[in-house]
Amino acid sequence: MITRRSALLSAPFLFAAGRSFAQQPVPQPPETLKTVLDRAAELESLKVVLVYRGGEPLAERAFNGRSLTASSNIKSASKSIVSCLVGIAIDRKLLEGTEQKIAPILKADLPRNPDSRLNEVTIGNLLSMQAGLSRMSGPNYGRWVASPNWVRFALSEPFDGEPGGEMLYSTASTHLLSAILTRVGSKSTLALAREWLEPVEGFRIGAWERDPQGIYLGGNQMAMSARSLMAFGELYRNGGKTGEGRQVVSQGWIDQSWMPRTNSRFSGDAYGYGWFMREIGGEGVKFGWGYGGQMVYVIPSLAMTVVMTSNESGPSARNGYRDQLHDLLADIIRVTPV
């Protein structure tokens, strides 16, 4: 029988039990790719995120009023594309290989009294940013593109290092590769890209800046949609083959491109032939990266390719935005089922 006294005695216990129960965490639903991308909308510079696995789209999201089909200036992510074109030129025997010296190909633009080290610079040195040439990115970029001949200017400036030495990130290195492709291919770099990469469904380069001699700027100022950049990333993820199985660039070239050869002194990331490499979300990731946050990530272990495009008017490294994109990729990897 419950008396008034027993009820009163039990009341503190019930209150305490109720308080203890209220303090228990409320179960949260598991995070999904949708919730991760919903949260990514807080990144004001973010334009588009595409997530593909095994060639199939898992998510395609445009942010902040942007369009999935609009073009962006992919900035230095285009260096990965120039690297691909060099690989195809080697596959087609238009170039001898990465050990080929560049001076004989560019002899018309060598300075009158060239530094002897110019005779040592190779195709591979340009691809891995180890040419030793003066850096034409950062503070030197403006005066380089203001010069009347970008190739000649890059070859005439004093060396900053030794061929094969430390990484000296420079858009001039990939522009020299564009000039080399133009000469050995007897066509513009854009024409070669359209011809050689034409079998890749969805790949298209839009506007692309040229130097005063008409050479397309290797490694910058290239317009491309996120889906086009995805088509390029998927080509590499698929071992250089199209979805129909046509070999466009050799698996051997991809392997060479993804072999760490040096490290960025700014980020510490490994660098191969036009591709950065680091571990993100516990996986080995290969990526092309452009100013402002233009990213093409390939995660071979997960058969996954992720593309992110962003407002190209601001930096992405100094303000931490690039690291936020890496974190977003880590979250995408975490919530994507194996």
Protein backbone atom coordinates (compact mmCIF):
# COMPACT_ATOMS: atom_id res chain seq x y z
CA MET A 1 0.00 0.00 0.00
CA ILE A 2 1.41 3.40 -1.03
CA THR A 3 1.06 5.90 1.82
CA ARG A 4 1.61 9.64 1.71
CA ARG A 5 4.88 9.13 3.61
CA SER A 6 6.20 6.51 1.19
CA ALA A 7 5.25 8.73 -1.76
CA LEU A 8 7.13 11.67 -0.27
CA LEU A 9 10.17 9.55 0.46
CA SER A 10 10.25 8.33 -3.09
CA ALA A 11 9.84 11.79 -4.63
CA PRO A 12 13.52 12.85 -4.30
CA PHE A 13 14.55 9.58 -5.89
CA LEU A 14 12.15 10.11 -8.76
CA PHE A 15 13.39 13.68 -9.20
CA ALA A 16 17.00 12.56 -9.14
CA ALA A 17 16.29 9.76 -11.56
CA GLY A 18 14.49 12.18 -13.84
CA ARG A 19 17.41 14.61 -13.74
CA SER A 20 19.84 11.81 -14.51
CA PHE A 21 17.68 10.69 -17.42
CA ALA A 22 17.50 14.24 -18.81
CA GLN A 23 21.29 14.44 -18.86
CA GLN A 24 21.63 11.46 -21.19
CA PRO A 25 22.72 12.53 -24.73
CA VAL A 26 19.96 12.52 -27.29
CA PRO A 27 20.81 10.00 -30.04
CA GLN A 28 21.73 11.76 -33.28
CA PRO A 29 21.04 10.33 -36.73
CA PRO A 30 24.16 9.09 -38.51
CA GLU A 31 25.87 11.57 -40.79
CA THR A 32 25.36 11.03 -44.48
CA LEU A 33 26.86 12.53 -47.61
CA LYS A 34 23.84 14.82 -47.77
CA THR A 35 24.37 16.18 -44.26
CA VAL A 36 28.08 16.72 -44.93
CA LEU A 37 27.28 18.69 -48.09
CA ASP A 38 24.53 20.62 -46.31
CA ARG A 39 27.14 21.75 -43.80
CA ALA A 40 29.57 22.61 -46.62
CA ALA A 41 27.17 25.33 -47.75
CA GLU A 42 28.64 27.44 -44.93
CA LEU A 43 31.82 27.82 -47.04
CA GLU A 44 30.98 31.04 -48.88
CA SER A 45 33.59 30.59 -51.62
CA LEU A 46 32.46 27.08 -52.53
CA LYS A 47 30.79 26.75 -55.94
CA VAL A 48 30.40 23.05 -56.77
CA VAL A 49 31.16 19.66 -55.24
CA LEU A 50 30.98 16.47 -57.30
CA VAL A 51 31.51 13.03 -55.76
CA TYR A 52 31.90 9.98 -58.03
CA ARG A 53 32.63 6.41 -57.09
CA GLY A 54 33.44 3.69 -59.58
CA GLY A 55 32.42 6.06 -62.35
CA GLU A 56 28.96 6.71 -60.89
CA PRO A 57 27.83 9.99 -59.33
CA LEU A 58 27.14 9.83 -55.60
CA ALA A 59 26.49 13.56 -55.25
CA GLU A 60 26.46 16.68 -57.40
CA ARG A 61 25.80 19.91 -55.53
CA ALA A 62 26.04 23.58 -56.52
CA PHE A 63 26.25 26.10 -53.67
CA ASN A 64 25.29 29.70 -53.03
CA GLY A 65 23.35 30.23 -56.26
CA ARG A 66 26.03 28.72 -58.51
CA SER A 67 25.44 26.33 -61.42
CA LEU A 68 26.68 22.78 -61.96
CA THR A 69 27.36 23.52 -65.62
CA ALA A 70 29.07 26.93 -65.39
CA SER A 71 32.76 27.23 -66.18
CA SER A 72 35.37 28.24 -63.64
CA ASN A 73 38.95 29.35 -64.02
CA ILE A 74 40.62 26.21 -62.66
CA LYS A 75 43.91 28.06 -62.21
CA SER A 76 46.85 25.75 -61.39
CA ALA A 77 44.71 22.61 -61.47
CA SER A 78 45.40 22.94 -65.20
CA LYS A 79 49.02 21.93 -64.49
CA SER A 80 47.76 18.36 -64.06
CA ILE A 81 46.21 18.57 -67.53
CA VAL A 82 49.43 19.89 -69.08
CA SER A 83 51.25 16.98 -67.43
CA CYS A 84 48.78 14.59 -69.05
CA LEU A 85 49.44 16.12 -72.48
CA VAL A 86 53.19 15.67 -71.96
CA GLY A 87 52.59 12.02 -71.09
CA ILE A 88 50.56 11.52 -74.26
CA ALA A 89 53.29 13.23 -76.31
CA ILE A 90 55.80 10.76 -74.84
CA ASP A 91 53.43 7.84 -75.51
CA ARG A 92 53.17 9.04 -79.14
CA LYS A 93 56.97 9.37 -79.47
CA LEU A 94 56.79 13.12 -80.06
CA LEU A 95 59.02 13.48 -77.00
CA GLU A 96 61.79 11.07 -76.02
CA GLY A 97 60.90 10.96 -72.32
CA THR A 98 61.30 12.82 -69.08
CA GLU A 99 65.12 12.82 -69.30
CA GLN A 100 65.06 14.73 -72.59
CA LYS A 101 66.83 18.09 -72.37
CA ILE A 102 64.71 21.15 -73.15
CA ALA A 103 67.42 23.48 -74.54
CA PRO A 104 67.54 21.95 -78.06
CA ILE A 105 63.73 22.21 -78.36
CA LEU A 106 63.62 25.83 -77.15
CA LYS A 107 66.90 26.98 -78.71
CA ALA A 108 65.21 29.83 -80.60
CA ASP A 109 64.34 31.45 -77.27
CA LEU A 110 67.55 30.82 -75.35
CA PRO A 111 69.32 33.97 -74.15
CA ARG A 112 72.39 35.18 -76.01
CA ASN A 113 74.76 34.07 -73.25
CA PRO A 114 72.80 31.29 -71.55
CA ASP A 115 73.55 29.96 -68.09
CA SER A 116 75.24 26.60 -68.60
CA ARG A 117 72.65 25.01 -66.34
CA LEU A 118 70.02 25.51 -69.03
CA ASN A 119 71.66 22.61 -70.87
CA GLU A 120 70.87 20.33 -67.90
CA VAL A 121 67.17 21.10 -67.48
CA THR A 122 64.93 18.19 -68.52
CA ILE A 123 61.27 17.67 -69.29
CA GLY A 124 60.97 15.85 -65.97
CA ASN A 125 62.52 18.79 -64.11
CA LEU A 126 59.82 21.09 -65.47
CA LEU A 127 57.06 18.63 -64.59
CA SER A 128 58.21 18.21 -60.98
CA MET A 129 59.07 21.91 -60.46
CA GLN A 130 62.74 21.07 -60.02
CA ALA A 131 64.16 23.00 -62.97
CA GLY A 132 66.03 25.48 -60.78
CA LEU A 133 64.76 28.35 -62.94
CA SER A 134 63.64 31.58 -61.33
CA ARG A 135 60.13 31.27 -59.91
CA MET A 136 57.46 32.98 -61.98
CA SER A 137 54.66 32.44 -59.51
CA GLY A 138 53.87 34.69 -56.57
CA PRO A 139 55.62 38.09 -56.60
CA ASN A 140 57.30 37.53 -59.99
CA TYR A 141 54.16 36.49 -61.85
CA GLY A 142 53.07 40.02 -62.79
CA ARG A 143 56.33 41.11 -64.40
CA TRP A 144 56.63 37.76 -66.19
CA VAL A 145 53.23 38.03 -67.91
CA ALA A 146 53.92 41.72 -68.64
CA SER A 147 57.03 40.76 -70.66
CA PRO A 148 56.87 40.63 -74.48
CA ASN A 149 57.99 36.99 -74.67
CA TRP A 150 57.12 34.74 -71.73
CA VAL A 151 59.22 31.78 -72.86
CA ARG A 152 62.33 33.89 -73.44
CA PHE A 153 61.86 35.76 -70.18
CA ALA A 154 61.59 32.52 -68.17
CA LEU A 155 64.77 31.17 -69.76
CA SER A 156 66.71 34.43 -69.27
CA GLU A 157 66.15 35.12 -65.58
CA PRO A 158 68.88 34.05 -63.09
CA PHE A 159 68.53 30.56 -61.65
CA ASP A 160 67.05 30.22 -58.16
CA GLY A 161 68.39 26.68 -57.66
CA GLU A 162 69.96 23.71 -59.37
CA PRO A 163 68.29 21.47 -61.97
CA GLY A 164 66.98 18.43 -60.10
CA GLY A 165 67.19 20.27 -56.77
CA GLU A 166 64.46 21.50 -54.43
CA MET A 167 60.93 22.19 -55.58
CA LEU A 168 60.49 25.74 -56.90
CA TYR A 169 56.82 26.06 -57.77
CA SER A 170 56.51 28.12 -60.94
CA THR A 171 53.84 28.51 -63.60
CA ALA A 172 56.66 29.33 -66.03
CA SER A 173 57.79 25.70 -65.83
CA THR A 174 54.48 24.41 -67.13
CA HIS A 175 54.33 27.24 -69.67
CA LEU A 176 57.65 26.05 -71.06
CA LEU A 177 56.04 22.61 -71.36
CA SER A 178 53.18 24.19 -73.31
CA ALA A 179 55.72 25.81 -75.66
CA ILE A 180 57.49 22.46 -76.06
CA LEU A 181 54.21 20.69 -76.85
CA THR A 182 53.37 23.36 -79.44
CA ARG A 183 56.71 22.84 -81.19
CA VAL A 184 56.87 19.07 -81.20
CA GLY A 185 53.16 18.67 -81.94
CA SER A 186 53.08 21.33 -84.67
CA LYS A 187 49.74 22.53 -83.24
CA SER A 188 48.65 24.73 -80.40
CA THR A 189 48.42 23.14 -76.97
CA LEU A 190 44.65 23.68 -77.03
CA ALA A 191 44.35 21.93 -80.39
CA LEU A 192 46.42 19.01 -79.08
CA ALA A 193 44.28 18.80 -75.93
CA ARG A 194 41.08 18.75 -77.96
CA GLU A 195 42.45 16.11 -80.32
CA TRP A 196 44.11 13.82 -77.78
CA LEU A 197 41.46 14.09 -75.06
CA GLU A 198 38.48 14.16 -77.42
CA PRO A 199 37.57 10.49 -76.61
CA VAL A 200 37.05 11.44 -72.94
CA GLU A 201 33.30 11.95 -72.63
CA GLY A 202 32.43 15.26 -71.01
CA PHE A 203 35.93 16.74 -71.23
CA ARG A 204 36.11 20.22 -72.67
CA ILE A 205 38.41 23.20 -72.26
CA GLY A 206 36.70 26.56 -72.75
CA ALA A 207 38.56 29.87 -72.81
CA TRP A 208 42.30 29.74 -72.22
CA GLU A 209 44.76 32.62 -72.10
CA ARG A 210 47.69 32.85 -74.54
CA ASP A 211 51.04 34.60 -74.41
CA PRO A 212 52.11 37.28 -76.93
CA GLN A 213 53.42 34.57 -79.27
CA GLY A 214 50.08 32.72 -79.15
CA ILE A 215 51.24 29.89 -76.87
CA TYR A 216 48.54 28.79 -74.46
CA LEU A 217 49.44 29.50 -70.85
CA GLY A 218 50.59 26.22 -69.43
CA GLY A 219 49.30 25.93 -65.89
CA ASN A 220 46.86 28.81 -65.43
CA GLN A 221 43.90 30.77 -66.76
CA MET A 222 41.98 27.78 -68.15
CA ALA A 223 38.17 27.75 -68.10
CA MET A 224 36.49 24.44 -67.41
CA SER A 225 33.28 23.23 -65.80
CA ALA A 226 33.38 21.06 -62.69
CA ARG A 227 31.97 18.16 -64.71
CA SER A 228 34.73 18.54 -67.29
CA LEU A 229 37.33 18.49 -64.52
CA MET A 230 35.59 15.38 -63.17
CA ALA A 231 35.90 13.72 -66.58
CA PHE A 232 39.65 14.38 -66.44
CA GLY A 233 39.98 13.06 -62.88
CA GLU A 234 38.01 9.96 -63.82
CA LEU A 235 40.40 9.34 -66.73
CA TYR A 236 43.28 9.08 -64.25
CA ARG A 237 41.27 7.08 -61.72
CA ASN A 238 40.43 4.61 -64.49
CA GLY A 239 44.07 4.01 -65.42
CA GLY A 240 44.06 6.35 -68.42
CA LYS A 241 41.08 4.69 -70.08
CA THR A 242 37.72 6.12 -71.07
CA GLY A 243 34.54 4.56 -69.77
CA GLU A 244 34.41 2.56 -73.00
CA GLY A 245 37.90 1.17 -72.40
CA ARG A 246 39.88 3.28 -74.87
CA GLN A 247 43.42 3.99 -73.64
CA VAL A 248 44.02 7.75 -73.87
CA VAL A 249 47.10 8.10 -71.65
CA SER A 250 49.17 5.16 -70.49
CA GLN A 251 48.92 3.65 -67.02
CA GLY A 252 52.71 3.92 -66.93
CA TRP A 253 52.49 7.69 -67.26
CA ILE A 254 49.94 7.91 -64.46
CA ASP A 255 52.21 5.81 -62.24
CA GLN A 256 55.13 8.14 -63.00
CA SER A 257 53.01 11.21 -62.36
CA TRP A 258 51.89 9.90 -58.97
CA MET A 259 55.41 8.98 -57.84
CA PRO A 260 56.58 11.45 -55.15
CA ARG A 261 59.68 13.28 -56.39
CA THR A 262 59.88 16.33 -54.15
CA ASN A 263 57.91 18.21 -51.50
CA SER A 264 56.31 21.61 -51.34
CA ARG A 265 58.14 23.86 -48.92
CA PHE A 266 54.83 25.62 -48.23
CA SER A 267 52.51 22.68 -47.45
CA GLY A 268 54.91 19.74 -47.09
CA ASP A 269 52.81 17.80 -49.61
CA ALA A 270 54.60 15.41 -51.94
CA TYR A 271 54.70 16.37 -55.62
CA GLY A 272 55.09 14.24 -58.72
CA TYR A 273 54.52 15.28 -62.32
CA GLY A 274 51.83 17.94 -62.00
CA TRP A 275 50.07 16.25 -59.05
CA PHE A 276 50.23 16.77 -55.29
CA MET A 277 49.92 13.84 -52.88
CA ARG A 278 48.98 13.57 -49.21
CA GLU A 279 46.95 11.44 -46.81
CA ILE A 280 43.41 12.70 -46.23
CA GLY A 281 40.81 10.84 -44.22
CA GLY A 282 43.20 7.92 -43.80
CA GLU A 283 43.54 7.43 -47.57
CA GLY A 284 46.32 8.21 -50.04
CA VAL A 285 45.01 11.08 -52.19
CA LYS A 286 46.38 12.47 -55.45
CA PHE A 287 45.19 15.95 -56.31
CA GLY A 288 45.47 18.91 -58.63
CA TRP A 289 45.07 22.24 -56.86
CA GLY A 290 44.36 25.69 -58.24
CA TYR A 291 44.38 29.14 -56.64
CA GLY A 292 41.18 29.95 -54.81
CA GLY A 293 40.31 26.31 -54.19
CA GLN A 294 39.95 24.52 -57.53
CA MET A 295 40.45 20.85 -56.63
CA VAL A 296 40.43 17.53 -58.41
CA TYR A 297 40.99 14.68 -55.94
CA VAL A 298 41.58 11.07 -56.95
CA ILE A 299 41.44 8.40 -54.23
CA PRO A 300 42.49 5.15 -55.97
CA SER A 301 41.91 2.94 -52.91
CA LEU A 302 38.22 3.91 -52.87
CA ALA A 303 37.75 4.17 -56.66
CA MET A 304 36.62 7.71 -55.89
CA THR A 305 37.04 11.07 -57.62
CA VAL A 306 35.94 14.34 -56.02
CA VAL A 307 35.92 17.76 -57.67
CA MET A 308 35.48 21.08 -55.87
CA THR A 309 35.40 24.48 -57.54
CA SER A 310 35.45 27.79 -55.73
CA ASN A 311 35.53 31.53 -56.19
CA GLU A 312 38.90 32.06 -57.87
CA SER A 313 39.37 35.67 -56.74
CA GLY A 314 40.91 34.88 -53.35
CA PRO A 315 43.73 32.70 -52.03
CA SER A 316 43.08 29.26 -50.57
CA ALA A 317 46.32 28.40 -48.78
CA ARG A 318 47.14 31.50 -46.72
CA ASN A 319 43.60 31.91 -45.36
CA GLY A 320 43.14 28.24 -44.48
CA TYR A 321 40.41 27.62 -47.05
CA ARG A 322 42.38 24.89 -48.83
CA ASP A 323 42.63 23.03 -45.53
CA GLN A 324 38.88 23.39 -45.09
CA LEU A 325 38.42 21.71 -48.48
CA HIS A 326 40.77 18.90 -47.40
CA ASP A 327 38.64 18.53 -44.25
CA LEU A 328 35.50 18.42 -46.36
CA LEU A 329 37.04 15.63 -48.42
CA ALA A 330 37.92 13.76 -45.21
CA ASP A 331 34.27 14.01 -44.13
CA ILE A 332 33.09 12.79 -47.55
CA ILE A 333 35.41 9.80 -47.26
CA ARG A 334 34.24 9.11 -43.69
CA VAL A 335 30.53 8.97 -44.51
CA THR A 336 30.78 7.17 -47.84
CA PRO A 337 30.12 3.43 -47.40
CA VAL A 338 32.93 1.09 -48.46
